[in-house]
Amino acid sequence: MQLISFLIMSAHSHGFYLSERMRTLKIDDQINMDERCQIKTSAEDSLELMGLAAKLTLIRASYFSYYWKSESEAPERSMKSSL
């Protein structure tokens, strides 16, 4: 449940389009859990949540890739500047 809340808040902070249902979703009221504590959502909600998760994953991966690339090139730049 907290993961879904985090996902929706993160998507909103990145400016992604959220359906009216996602914008007004009350996690405790509108998402039911079954007896195995698995979250039950409609198929449309599930697809939208998976799409948001995929977009956020790509954004995080691009941040990591940029950071890793800039960190791995940093020693080379400092060595070239000292020569």
C-alpha atoms as a PDB file:
ATOM      1  CA  MET A   1       0.000   0.000   0.000  1.00  0.00           C
ATOM      2  CA  GLN A   2       2.806   2.400   0.827  1.00  0.00           C
ATOM      3  CA  LEU A   3       4.522   1.492  -2.427  1.00  0.00           C
ATOM      4  CA  ILE A   4       1.446   2.499  -4.407  1.00  0.00           C
ATOM      5  CA  SER A   5       1.251   5.796  -2.519  1.00  0.00           C
ATOM      6  CA  PHE A   6       4.943   6.430  -3.189  1.00  0.00           C
ATOM      7  CA  LEU A   7       4.533   5.537  -6.855  1.00  0.00           C
ATOM      8  CA  ILE A   8       1.637   7.950  -7.322  1.00  0.00           C
ATOM      9  CA  MET A   9       3.376  10.779  -5.440  1.00  0.00           C
ATOM     10  CA  SER A  10       6.615  10.261  -7.392  1.00  0.00           C
ATOM     11  CA  ALA A  11       4.812  10.220 -10.722  1.00  0.00           C
ATOM     12  CA  HIS A  12       2.962  13.384  -9.780  1.00  0.00           C
ATOM     13  CA  SER A  13       6.188  15.127  -8.736  1.00  0.00           C
ATOM     14  CA  HIS A  14       7.768  14.233 -12.111  1.00  0.00           C
ATOM     15  CA  GLY A  15       4.802  15.778 -13.896  1.00  0.00           C
ATOM     16  CA  PHE A  16       3.378  12.590 -15.379  1.00  0.00           C
ATOM     17  CA  TYR A  17      -0.218  12.582 -16.478  1.00  0.00           C
ATOM     18  CA  LEU A  18      -2.368  10.846 -13.892  1.00  0.00           C
ATOM     19  CA  SER A  19      -5.926   9.781 -14.530  1.00  0.00           C
ATOM     20  CA  GLU A  20      -8.635  11.311 -12.394  1.00  0.00           C
ATOM     21  CA  ARG A  21      -8.893   8.038 -10.498  1.00  0.00           C
ATOM     22  CA  MET A  22      -5.180   8.018  -9.647  1.00  0.00           C
ATOM     23  CA  ARG A  23      -5.258  11.665  -8.588  1.00  0.00           C
ATOM     24  CA  THR A  24      -8.142  11.063  -6.199  1.00  0.00           C
ATOM     25  CA  LEU A  25      -7.198   7.563  -5.067  1.00  0.00           C
ATOM     26  CA  LYS A  26      -7.579   7.044  -1.355  1.00  0.00           C
ATOM     27  CA  ILE A  27      -5.355   4.064  -0.721  1.00  0.00           C
ATOM     28  CA  ASP A  28      -7.102   2.785   2.397  1.00  0.00           C
ATOM     29  CA  ASP A  29     -10.625   3.292   1.059  1.00  0.00           C
ATOM     30  CA  GLN A  30     -10.526   2.301  -2.594  1.00  0.00           C
ATOM     31  CA  ILE A  31      -7.925  -0.457  -2.867  1.00  0.00           C
ATOM     32  CA  ASN A  32      -9.041  -3.702  -1.288  1.00  0.00           C
ATOM     33  CA  MET A  33      -6.843  -6.526  -0.152  1.00  0.00           C
ATOM     34  CA  ASP A  34      -7.718 -10.176  -0.422  1.00  0.00           C
ATOM     35  CA  GLU A  35      -7.180 -12.824   2.255  1.00  0.00           C
ATOM     36  CA  ARG A  36      -3.565 -13.400   1.145  1.00  0.00           C
ATOM     37  CA  CYS A  37      -2.835  -9.675   1.617  1.00  0.00           C
ATOM     38  CA  GLN A  38      -2.493  -9.119  -2.101  1.00  0.00           C
ATOM     39  CA  ILE A  39      -3.741  -5.820  -3.412  1.00  0.00           C
ATOM     40  CA  LYS A  40      -6.801  -6.073  -5.633  1.00  0.00           C
ATOM     41  CA  THR A  41      -7.205  -3.304  -8.183  1.00  0.00           C
ATOM     42  CA  SER A  42      -9.073  -3.016 -11.431  1.00  0.00           C
ATOM     43  CA  ALA A  43      -7.280  -3.959 -14.633  1.00  0.00           C
ATOM     44  CA  GLU A  44      -7.168  -0.298 -15.717  1.00  0.00           C
ATOM     45  CA  ASP A  45      -5.624   0.779 -12.410  1.00  0.00           C
ATOM     46  CA  SER A  46      -3.075  -2.028 -12.589  1.00  0.00           C
ATOM     47  CA  LEU A  47      -2.033  -1.054 -16.116  1.00  0.00           C
ATOM     48  CA  GLU A  48      -1.677   2.599 -15.161  1.00  0.00           C
ATOM     49  CA  LEU A  49       0.364   1.740 -12.065  1.00  0.00           C
ATOM     50  CA  MET A  50       2.654  -0.560 -14.087  1.00  0.00           C
ATOM     51  CA  GLY A  51       3.160   2.169 -16.676  1.00  0.00           C
ATOM     52  CA  LEU A  52       4.049   4.702 -13.997  1.00  0.00           C
ATOM     53  CA  ALA A  53       6.467   2.240 -12.406  1.00  0.00           C
ATOM     54  CA  ALA A  54       8.158   1.626 -15.768  1.00  0.00           C
ATOM     55  CA  LYS A  55       8.547   5.347 -16.470  1.00  0.00           C
ATOM     56  CA  LEU A  56       9.962   6.023 -13.007  1.00  0.00           C
ATOM     57  CA  THR A  57      12.358   3.081 -13.375  1.00  0.00           C
ATOM     58  CA  LEU A  58      13.681   4.509 -16.642  1.00  0.00           C
ATOM     59  CA  ILE A  59      14.153   7.923 -15.062  1.00  0.00           C
ATOM     60  CA  ARG A  60      16.041   6.449 -12.098  1.00  0.00           C
ATOM     61  CA  ALA A  61      18.171   4.324 -14.420  1.00  0.00           C
ATOM     62  CA  SER A  62      19.084   7.346 -16.531  1.00  0.00           C
ATOM     63  CA  TYR A  63      20.059   9.302 -13.392  1.00  0.00           C
ATOM     64  CA  PHE A  64      22.210   6.394 -12.235  1.00  0.00           C
ATOM     65  CA  SER A  65      23.774   5.956 -15.660  1.00  0.00           C
ATOM     66  CA  TYR A  66      24.635   9.651 -15.905  1.00  0.00           C
ATOM     67  CA  TYR A  67      26.084   9.706 -12.391  1.00  0.00           C
ATOM     68  CA  TRP A  68      28.069   6.507 -12.937  1.00  0.00           C
ATOM     69  CA  LYS A  69      29.410   7.765 -16.270  1.00  0.00           C
ATOM     70  CA  SER A  70      30.449  11.133 -14.850  1.00  0.00           C
ATOM     71  CA  GLU A  71      32.106   9.461 -11.839  1.00  0.00           C
ATOM     72  CA  SER A  72      33.999   6.942 -13.969  1.00  0.00           C
ATOM     73  CA  GLU A  73      35.352   9.690 -16.236  1.00  0.00           C
ATOM     74  CA  ALA A  74      36.327  11.965 -13.365  1.00  0.00           C
ATOM     75  CA  PRO A  75      39.779  10.380 -12.727  1.00  0.00           C
ATOM     76  CA  GLU A  76      40.622  10.546 -16.429  1.00  0.00           C
ATOM     77  CA  ARG A  77      39.799  14.239 -16.547  1.00  0.00           C
ATOM     78  CA  SER A  78      41.914  15.007 -13.510  1.00  0.00           C
ATOM     79  CA  MET A  79      44.871  13.029 -14.900  1.00  0.00           C
ATOM     80  CA  LYS A  80      44.652  14.818 -18.264  1.00  0.00           C
ATOM     81  CA  SER A  81      44.498  18.217 -16.624  1.00  0.00           C
ATOM     82  CA  SER A  82      47.565  17.485 -14.485  1.00  0.00           C
ATOM     83  CA  LEU A  83      49.641  16.481 -17.536  1.00  0.00           C
END
